Protein backbone atom coordinates (compact mmCIF):
# COMPACT_ATOMS: atom_id res chain seq x y z
CA MET A 1 17.70 -0.90 6.61
CA LYS A 2 18.91 2.09 8.94
CA ARG A 3 19.21 5.09 6.63
CA GLY A 4 22.89 5.24 5.44
CA VAL A 5 23.76 1.50 6.72
CA PRO A 6 24.34 -0.62 4.15
CA LEU A 7 23.00 -4.26 4.59
CA SER A 8 24.98 -6.14 5.91
CA TYR A 9 25.45 -10.05 5.27
CA SER A 10 26.12 -11.04 9.08
CA ARG A 11 22.91 -8.88 9.99
CA LEU A 12 20.79 -10.47 7.10
CA ASN A 13 19.29 -12.88 9.19
CA GLU A 14 18.13 -10.19 12.13
CA GLU A 15 17.22 -7.89 8.96
CA LEU A 16 15.09 -10.23 8.04
CA LEU A 17 12.81 -11.08 10.97
CA GLU A 18 12.89 -7.47 12.24
CA ARG A 19 11.19 -6.84 8.27
CA PHE A 20 9.19 -9.84 8.36
CA PRO A 21 8.40 -10.53 12.34
CA ALA A 22 5.46 -13.02 11.10
CA LEU A 23 9.06 -15.38 10.11
CA ARG A 24 10.15 -15.58 13.03
CA GLY A 25 8.21 -18.60 13.72
CA ARG A 26 9.60 -20.40 11.05
CA TYR A 27 13.35 -19.65 11.49
CA GLU A 28 12.62 -20.68 15.18
CA ASP A 29 11.54 -24.24 13.95
CA LEU A 30 14.34 -24.07 11.78
CA ARG A 31 16.97 -23.37 14.45
CA ILE A 32 15.52 -26.27 16.73
CA THR A 33 16.19 -29.05 14.16
CA ASN A 34 19.93 -27.07 13.92
CA ALA A 35 20.51 -27.69 17.56
CA GLY A 36 19.26 -24.44 18.25
CA GLU A 37 22.46 -22.87 16.35
CA ASP A 38 22.01 -19.79 13.86
CA LEU A 39 20.97 -20.43 10.68
CA GLY A 40 23.45 -18.59 7.83
CA PRO A 41 22.12 -16.61 5.50
CA HIS A 42 21.65 -18.84 2.85
CA VAL A 43 19.96 -21.31 4.84
CA SER A 44 17.64 -19.17 6.07
CA PHE A 45 16.79 -17.33 2.79
CA ASP A 46 16.22 -20.22 1.36
CA LEU A 47 14.05 -22.33 3.92
CA VAL A 48 12.41 -19.75 5.32
CA LEU A 49 12.49 -16.53 3.16
CA VAL A 50 11.86 -18.19 -0.36
CA PRO A 51 8.37 -20.63 1.00
CA TYR A 52 6.91 -17.45 2.35
CA ILE A 53 7.49 -15.94 -0.98
CA ARG A 54 6.23 -18.93 -3.35
CA GLU A 55 2.54 -19.07 -0.69
CA LEU A 56 2.22 -15.08 -1.50
CA LEU A 57 2.59 -15.64 -4.80
CA GLN A 58 0.59 -18.82 -5.42
CA THR A 59 -2.23 -17.62 -3.30
CA GLY A 60 -1.86 -14.06 -4.75
CA ASP A 61 -3.96 -12.61 -1.72
CA ASP A 62 -1.90 -10.03 -0.38
CA GLU A 63 0.41 -7.75 -2.95
CA PHE A 64 0.94 -5.36 -0.12
CA ALA A 65 3.55 -8.16 1.28
CA ILE A 66 5.01 -9.42 -1.83
CA ARG A 67 6.11 -5.81 -2.99
CA ARG A 68 7.33 -5.44 0.77
CA ALA A 69 9.29 -8.91 0.20
CA PHE A 70 10.83 -8.07 -3.94
CA ALA A 71 10.89 -4.11 -2.46
CA PHE A 72 13.48 -5.96 0.39
CA LEU A 73 15.25 -8.03 -1.91
CA GLU A 74 16.02 -5.20 -4.78
CA GLU A 75 17.44 -3.42 -1.59
CA MET A 76 19.76 -6.24 -1.19
CA ALA A 77 20.58 -6.31 -4.67
CA ARG A 78 21.55 -2.68 -4.95
CA GLU A 79 22.99 -2.08 -2.11
CA GLY A 80 24.38 -5.07 -0.34
CA SER A 81 28.07 -6.58 -0.78
CA GLU A 82 28.90 -9.14 -3.12
CA LYS A 83 28.65 -11.55 -0.35
CA VAL A 84 24.50 -10.30 -0.06
CA LYS A 85 23.95 -10.22 -3.68
CA GLU A 86 24.86 -14.01 -3.38
CA VAL A 87 21.96 -14.78 -1.11
CA VAL A 88 19.32 -13.21 -3.31
CA SER A 89 20.89 -14.95 -6.57
CA ALA A 90 21.66 -18.36 -5.33
CA SER A 91 19.30 -18.46 -2.16
CA VAL A 92 16.49 -16.94 -3.54
CA LEU A 93 16.27 -16.62 -7.28
CA GLU A 94 17.54 -19.63 -7.48
CA SER A 95 15.12 -21.21 -6.02
CA LEU A 96 11.74 -19.42 -7.37
CA LEU A 97 12.88 -19.56 -11.00
CA GLY A 98 13.89 -22.84 -11.23
CA GLU A 99 10.29 -23.60 -11.15
CA ARG A 100 8.73 -22.60 -14.90
CA GLN A 101 5.50 -21.56 -13.13
CA LEU A 102 6.79 -19.88 -9.94
CA ALA A 103 9.40 -17.84 -12.67
CA LEU A 104 6.68 -16.29 -14.44
CA LEU A 105 4.84 -15.25 -10.90
CA VAL A 106 8.02 -14.01 -10.02
CA MET A 107 9.12 -11.24 -13.56
CA PRO A 108 7.09 -8.86 -12.77
CA TRP A 109 8.27 -8.37 -9.12
CA LEU A 110 11.71 -7.78 -9.94
CA GLY A 111 13.30 -4.73 -9.90
CA PRO A 112 16.63 -3.04 -12.05
CA ALA A 113 19.27 -4.88 -10.11
CA THR A 114 17.74 -8.18 -9.13
CA SER A 115 16.13 -8.63 -12.63
CA ARG A 116 20.31 -8.72 -13.57
CA LEU A 117 20.66 -10.85 -11.22
CA ALA A 118 17.54 -13.41 -12.02
CA LYS A 119 19.67 -13.23 -16.05
CA SER A 120 22.80 -14.20 -14.37
CA VAL A 121 20.54 -17.01 -12.94
CA MET A 122 18.96 -17.77 -15.49
CA GLU A 123 22.05 -18.10 -18.12
CA ASP A 124 23.95 -20.22 -15.76
C-alpha cells in the first residue's frame, strides 16, 4: 500500500499480486479456468491466498512469509472499507478457521483487527 492511500476493494487483486508476486502464477491459472476474465477479490483471496497461507502454516518453513501474509490481512481488516473487511472475514478467515487443526495454527498470527473479525466468524 502506498502511504496515505487506503486499501480499496477495486484494487485488492492488484495489491495481492504486487505484495505476493509468487502468487501470480496461481492467479493466472485461475483466470484461464475463468475464460480469461479477471477474478473478483473474494474468489482470488479464497482460491489463491488461502491455499498459500495454508501451505505456509502447515510446513512452518517460512516465518517471514507467514508474517507478511498476516500483516497484509491485518492491514485490510484495520484500514479497509467494509467490503475489504468482508473479503478478510468471508473469504479468508472462514476458510482458514473452518478446519480445527488449521485454526489452531492461524490464531497466534492474528492481530487485533483480524482477531475481532475471527471472533465474529467463529460466533456465526
